Amino acid sequence: MSPLGQKLASTWLREKALDLRTAASRADKAYSTGGGYEAARYVADKYRKAAVLLDDAATVVEDTPMGAPGVRDPDHPCDMFSPGKPTNGGCQGDGHYLCAGCMLLEVSR
């Protein structure tokens, strides 16, 4: 995932977490004003737990290393990835955009 993709995914996850927190507040209000519907309280609790999970997922997306040696891209890993100027390292690459910045990429002359 590109850095822009990471940012977009993280932002989307955090927005969905906020949506769930808003829904939890509405369910709490329904519980308190509607005479105590247990289903509303149950739903509010589940929404809050899901929002925490989405926030955790957003943090993981934000902290994922891009271009790290031996990782390259967590979504498209390459255990041979070595950042640097391409040389005659013998690797043909797999078309990933970070292959162009790998020392092991074969350079045709």
N, C-alpha and C. Protein backbone atom coordinates (compact mmCIF):
# COMPACT_ATOMS: atom_id res chain seq x y z
N MET A 1 0.85 -1.17 0.00
CA MET A 1 0.00 0.00 0.00
C MET A 1 0.90 1.24 0.00
N SER A 2 0.60 2.17 -0.84
CA SER A 2 1.39 3.39 -0.91
C SER A 2 1.13 4.26 0.34
N PRO A 3 2.03 5.22 0.61
CA PRO A 3 1.79 6.11 1.76
C PRO A 3 0.45 6.83 1.67
N LEU A 4 0.06 7.24 0.46
CA LEU A 4 -1.25 7.89 0.30
C LEU A 4 -2.36 6.91 0.62
N GLY A 5 -2.22 5.67 0.15
CA GLY A 5 -3.21 4.64 0.45
C GLY A 5 -3.32 4.38 1.94
N GLN A 6 -2.17 4.39 2.62
CA GLN A 6 -2.17 4.21 4.07
C GLN A 6 -2.96 5.32 4.75
N LYS A 7 -2.71 6.55 4.32
CA LYS A 7 -3.39 7.70 4.93
C LYS A 7 -4.90 7.63 4.68
N LEU A 8 -5.28 7.29 3.45
CA LEU A 8 -6.71 7.20 3.12
C LEU A 8 -7.38 6.08 3.92
N ALA A 9 -6.73 4.94 4.02
CA ALA A 9 -7.30 3.82 4.77
C ALA A 9 -7.43 4.17 6.25
N SER A 10 -6.40 4.79 6.79
CA SER A 10 -6.42 5.19 8.20
C SER A 10 -7.55 6.19 8.46
N THR A 11 -7.68 7.18 7.59
CA THR A 11 -8.73 8.19 7.73
C THR A 11 -10.11 7.55 7.65
N TRP A 12 -10.29 6.64 6.70
CA TRP A 12 -11.57 5.96 6.54
C TRP A 12 -11.92 5.17 7.80
N LEU A 13 -10.94 4.42 8.33
CA LEU A 13 -11.19 3.62 9.54
C LEU A 13 -11.57 4.51 10.72
N ARG A 14 -10.88 5.64 10.86
CA ARG A 14 -11.19 6.53 11.98
C ARG A 14 -12.57 7.18 11.82
N GLU A 15 -12.96 7.49 10.58
CA GLU A 15 -14.29 8.03 10.34
C GLU A 15 -15.37 7.01 10.68
N LYS A 16 -15.14 5.75 10.32
CA LYS A 16 -16.12 4.69 10.63
C LYS A 16 -16.21 4.49 12.15
N ALA A 17 -15.09 4.60 12.86
CA ALA A 17 -15.10 4.50 14.31
C ALA A 17 -15.93 5.63 14.92
N LEU A 18 -15.80 6.83 14.38
CA LEU A 18 -16.59 7.96 14.85
C LEU A 18 -18.08 7.73 14.58
N ASP A 19 -18.40 7.19 13.40
CA ASP A 19 -19.80 6.87 13.08
C ASP A 19 -20.37 5.88 14.11
N LEU A 20 -19.57 4.89 14.49
CA LEU A 20 -20.04 3.91 15.47
C LEU A 20 -20.23 4.53 16.85
N ARG A 21 -19.34 5.45 17.21
CA ARG A 21 -19.49 6.12 18.51
C ARG A 21 -20.76 6.98 18.53
N THR A 22 -21.04 7.64 17.40
CA THR A 22 -22.26 8.44 17.30
C THR A 22 -23.50 7.54 17.42
N ALA A 23 -23.47 6.39 16.75
CA ALA A 23 -24.58 5.45 16.84
C ALA A 23 -24.74 4.93 18.26
N ALA A 24 -23.62 4.71 18.95
CA ALA A 24 -23.68 4.25 20.34
C ALA A 24 -24.34 5.31 21.22
N SER A 25 -24.02 6.57 20.99
CA SER A 25 -24.65 7.66 21.77
C SER A 25 -26.15 7.70 21.52
N ARG A 26 -26.55 7.51 20.27
CA ARG A 26 -27.99 7.51 19.96
C ARG A 26 -28.68 6.32 20.63
N ALA A 27 -28.02 5.17 20.63
CA ALA A 27 -28.62 3.99 21.27
C ALA A 27 -28.73 4.21 22.77
N ASP A 28 -27.73 4.85 23.37
CA ASP A 28 -27.81 5.17 24.80
C ASP A 28 -28.98 6.11 25.08
N LYS A 29 -29.17 7.07 24.20
CA LYS A 29 -30.28 8.02 24.38
C LYS A 29 -31.61 7.29 24.27
N ALA A 30 -31.70 6.36 23.31
CA ALA A 30 -32.92 5.57 23.17
C ALA A 30 -33.17 4.74 24.42
N TYR A 31 -32.11 4.24 25.02
CA TYR A 31 -32.24 3.45 26.24
C TYR A 31 -32.75 4.30 27.40
N SER A 32 -32.17 5.49 27.53
CA SER A 32 -32.52 6.33 28.68
C SER A 32 -33.89 7.00 28.54
N THR A 33 -34.33 7.30 27.33
CA THR A 33 -35.60 7.99 27.14
C THR A 33 -36.75 7.05 26.80
N GLY A 34 -36.41 5.84 26.38
CA GLY A 34 -37.46 4.93 25.93
C GLY A 34 -37.93 3.94 26.97
N GLY A 35 -37.60 4.16 28.22
CA GLY A 35 -38.10 3.25 29.23
C GLY A 35 -37.19 2.07 29.48
N GLY A 36 -35.96 2.09 28.98
CA GLY A 36 -35.00 1.06 29.31
C GLY A 36 -34.99 -0.15 28.40
N TYR A 37 -34.92 0.06 27.13
CA TYR A 37 -34.81 -1.05 26.19
C TYR A 37 -33.41 -1.66 26.30
N GLU A 38 -33.35 -2.89 26.78
CA GLU A 38 -32.06 -3.55 26.94
C GLU A 38 -31.34 -3.74 25.59
N ALA A 39 -32.11 -3.91 24.53
CA ALA A 39 -31.50 -4.09 23.21
C ALA A 39 -30.69 -2.86 22.83
N ALA A 40 -31.20 -1.67 23.15
CA ALA A 40 -30.49 -0.43 22.83
C ALA A 40 -29.17 -0.36 23.59
N ARG A 41 -29.17 -0.75 24.85
CA ARG A 41 -27.93 -0.73 25.63
C ARG A 41 -26.93 -1.76 25.07
N TYR A 42 -27.43 -2.92 24.69
CA TYR A 42 -26.58 -3.96 24.10
C TYR A 42 -25.94 -3.47 22.81
N VAL A 43 -26.74 -2.85 21.95
CA VAL A 43 -26.23 -2.32 20.68
C VAL A 43 -25.18 -1.23 20.93
N ALA A 44 -25.44 -0.35 21.87
CA ALA A 44 -24.49 0.72 22.18
C ALA A 44 -23.15 0.13 22.61
N ASP A 45 -23.18 -0.90 23.44
CA ASP A 45 -21.95 -1.55 23.89
C ASP A 45 -21.20 -2.18 22.72
N LYS A 46 -21.91 -2.84 21.84
CA LYS A 46 -21.27 -3.47 20.68
C LYS A 46 -20.67 -2.41 19.74
N TYR A 47 -21.37 -1.31 19.55
CA TYR A 47 -20.85 -0.23 18.71
C TYR A 47 -19.55 0.33 19.28
N ARG A 48 -19.52 0.52 20.58
CA ARG A 48 -18.30 1.05 21.22
C ARG A 48 -17.12 0.09 21.05
N LYS A 49 -17.38 -1.19 21.23
CA LYS A 49 -16.31 -2.19 21.07
C LYS A 49 -15.80 -2.23 19.62
N ALA A 50 -16.71 -2.12 18.67
CA ALA A 50 -16.31 -2.11 17.26
C ALA A 50 -15.51 -0.85 16.94
N ALA A 51 -15.88 0.27 17.53
CA ALA A 51 -15.15 1.52 17.30
C ALA A 51 -13.71 1.41 17.81
N VAL A 52 -13.52 0.76 18.95
CA VAL A 52 -12.16 0.55 19.48
C VAL A 52 -11.36 -0.31 18.52
N LEU A 53 -11.96 -1.35 17.98
CA LEU A 53 -11.26 -2.21 17.02
C LEU A 53 -10.87 -1.44 15.76
N LEU A 54 -11.76 -0.59 15.27
CA LEU A 54 -11.45 0.21 14.08
C LEU A 54 -10.31 1.19 14.36
N ASP A 55 -10.31 1.80 15.53
CA ASP A 55 -9.21 2.70 15.90
C ASP A 55 -7.89 1.93 15.96
N ASP A 56 -7.93 0.74 16.52
CA ASP A 56 -6.72 -0.09 16.58
C ASP A 56 -6.24 -0.44 15.18
N ALA A 57 -7.16 -0.77 14.29
CA ALA A 57 -6.80 -1.09 12.91
C ALA A 57 -6.18 0.12 12.21
N ALA A 58 -6.73 1.29 12.45
CA ALA A 58 -6.18 2.51 11.86
C ALA A 58 -4.75 2.75 12.34
N THR A 59 -4.48 2.47 13.60
CA THR A 59 -3.14 2.64 14.15
C THR A 59 -2.17 1.67 13.48
N VAL A 60 -2.59 0.44 13.27
CA VAL A 60 -1.74 -0.55 12.60
C VAL A 60 -1.43 -0.10 11.18
N VAL A 61 -2.45 0.39 10.47
CA VAL A 61 -2.24 0.86 9.10
C VAL A 61 -1.25 2.02 9.08
N GLU A 62 -1.37 2.94 10.02
CA GLU A 62 -0.48 4.11 10.06
C GLU A 62 0.96 3.71 10.39
N ASP A 63 1.14 2.69 11.21
CA ASP A 63 2.48 2.31 11.68
C ASP A 63 3.17 1.27 10.81
N THR A 64 2.55 0.85 9.72
CA THR A 64 3.13 -0.17 8.86
C THR A 64 4.33 0.40 8.12
N PRO A 65 5.49 -0.29 8.20
CA PRO A 65 6.68 0.23 7.52
C PRO A 65 6.59 0.03 6.01
N MET A 66 6.91 1.05 5.28
CA MET A 66 6.96 0.96 3.82
C MET A 66 8.41 1.07 3.38
N GLY A 67 8.85 0.16 2.55
CA GLY A 67 10.20 0.20 2.02
C GLY A 67 11.25 -0.30 3.00
N ALA A 68 10.84 -1.03 4.02
CA ALA A 68 11.80 -1.55 4.98
C ALA A 68 12.55 -2.74 4.38
N PRO A 69 13.84 -2.86 4.65
CA PRO A 69 14.60 -4.01 4.13
C PRO A 69 13.96 -5.33 4.56
N GLY A 70 13.82 -6.23 3.60
CA GLY A 70 13.22 -7.53 3.88
C GLY A 70 11.71 -7.51 4.01
N VAL A 71 11.09 -6.33 3.86
CA VAL A 71 9.63 -6.23 3.97
C VAL A 71 9.06 -5.68 2.66
N ARG A 72 9.55 -4.55 2.22
CA ARG A 72 9.08 -3.78 1.08
C ARG A 72 7.73 -3.19 1.37
N ASP A 73 6.68 -3.95 1.25
CA ASP A 73 5.31 -3.49 1.45
C ASP A 73 4.56 -4.61 2.17
N PRO A 74 3.98 -4.35 3.32
CA PRO A 74 3.29 -5.41 4.04
C PRO A 74 2.20 -6.11 3.23
N ASP A 75 1.58 -5.39 2.31
CA ASP A 75 0.54 -6.01 1.47
C ASP A 75 1.14 -6.85 0.35
N HIS A 76 2.36 -6.51 -0.06
CA HIS A 76 3.06 -7.23 -1.13
C HIS A 76 4.51 -7.44 -0.70
N PRO A 77 4.73 -8.35 0.26
CA PRO A 77 6.08 -8.49 0.83
C PRO A 77 7.10 -9.08 -0.14
N CYS A 78 8.34 -8.74 0.12
CA CYS A 78 9.48 -9.30 -0.62
C CYS A 78 10.62 -9.43 0.39
N ASP A 79 10.97 -10.66 0.74
CA ASP A 79 12.00 -10.86 1.77
C ASP A 79 13.40 -10.51 1.28
N MET A 80 13.56 -10.27 -0.02
CA MET A 80 14.86 -9.90 -0.57
C MET A 80 15.00 -8.40 -0.77
N PHE A 81 13.96 -7.63 -0.52
CA PHE A 81 14.00 -6.19 -0.79
C PHE A 81 15.12 -5.51 -0.01
N SER A 82 15.97 -4.78 -0.75
CA SER A 82 17.08 -4.01 -0.17
C SER A 82 17.05 -2.63 -0.79
N PRO A 83 16.60 -1.61 -0.06
CA PRO A 83 16.51 -0.27 -0.62
C PRO A 83 17.85 0.24 -1.12
N GLY A 84 17.83 0.89 -2.23
CA GLY A 84 19.05 1.47 -2.79
C GLY A 84 18.97 1.56 -4.30
N LYS A 85 20.05 2.03 -4.88
CA LYS A 85 20.12 2.17 -6.33
C LYS A 85 20.21 0.79 -6.98
N PRO A 86 19.37 0.51 -7.98
CA PRO A 86 19.40 -0.79 -8.65
C PRO A 86 20.78 -1.08 -9.26
N THR A 87 21.20 -2.32 -9.13
CA THR A 87 22.47 -2.79 -9.70
C THR A 87 22.19 -4.05 -10.51
N ASN A 88 23.17 -4.82 -10.76
CA ASN A 88 22.98 -6.10 -11.45
C ASN A 88 22.84 -7.21 -10.42
N GLY A 89 21.83 -7.09 -9.60
CA GLY A 89 21.62 -8.04 -8.51
C GLY A 89 20.95 -9.33 -8.91
N GLY A 90 20.43 -9.42 -10.11
CA GLY A 90 19.84 -10.66 -10.58
C GLY A 90 18.33 -10.78 -10.40
N CYS A 91 17.70 -9.85 -9.71
CA CYS A 91 16.25 -9.93 -9.51
C CYS A 91 15.54 -9.24 -10.68
N GLN A 92 14.52 -9.87 -11.19
CA GLN A 92 13.74 -9.29 -12.28
C GLN A 92 12.60 -8.43 -11.77
N GLY A 93 12.32 -8.51 -10.47
CA GLY A 93 11.22 -7.74 -9.90
C GLY A 93 9.88 -8.37 -10.23
N ASP A 94 8.86 -7.92 -9.56
CA ASP A 94 7.51 -8.44 -9.81
C ASP A 94 6.55 -7.34 -10.23
N GLY A 95 7.09 -6.17 -10.56
CA GLY A 95 6.25 -5.07 -11.02
C GLY A 95 5.79 -4.12 -9.93
N HIS A 96 6.11 -4.41 -8.67
CA HIS A 96 5.73 -3.52 -7.58
C HIS A 96 6.47 -2.20 -7.74
N TYR A 97 5.84 -1.09 -7.39
CA TYR A 97 6.46 0.21 -7.62
C TYR A 97 7.74 0.41 -6.81
N LEU A 98 7.92 -0.28 -5.69
CA LEU A 98 9.15 -0.14 -4.91
C LEU A 98 10.31 -0.96 -5.47
N CYS A 99 10.04 -1.85 -6.42
CA CYS A 99 11.12 -2.63 -7.04
C CYS A 99 12.12 -1.70 -7.72
N ALA A 100 11.65 -0.58 -8.21
CA ALA A 100 12.53 0.37 -8.90
C ALA A 100 13.58 0.95 -7.96
N GLY A 101 13.40 0.84 -6.66
CA GLY A 101 14.34 1.35 -5.70
C GLY A 101 15.03 0.26 -4.89
N CYS A 102 15.20 -0.91 -5.51
CA CYS A 102 15.83 -2.05 -4.83
C CYS A 102 17.20 -2.32 -5.45
N MET A 103 18.21 -2.49 -4.59
CA MET A 103 19.58 -2.75 -5.05
C MET A 103 19.69 -4.06 -5.82
N LEU A 104 18.80 -4.99 -5.59
CA LEU A 104 18.91 -6.30 -6.22
C LEU A 104 18.26 -6.37 -7.59
N LEU A 105 17.64 -5.28 -8.03
CA LEU A 105 16.98 -5.27 -9.32
C LEU A 105 18.01 -5.34 -10.45
N GLU A 106 17.78 -6.20 -11.39
CA GLU A 106 18.67 -6.35 -12.54
C GLU A 106 18.54 -5.14 -13.43
N VAL A 107 19.65 -4.51 -13.77
CA VAL A 107 19.66 -3.33 -14.63
C VAL A 107 20.13 -3.74 -16.01
N SER A 108 19.29 -3.52 -17.01
CA SER A 108 19.69 -3.85 -18.39
C SER A 108 20.47 -2.68 -18.98
N ARG A 109 21.51 -3.01 -19.69
CA ARG A 109 22.37 -1.95 -20.24
C ARG A 109 22.13 -1.75 -21.70
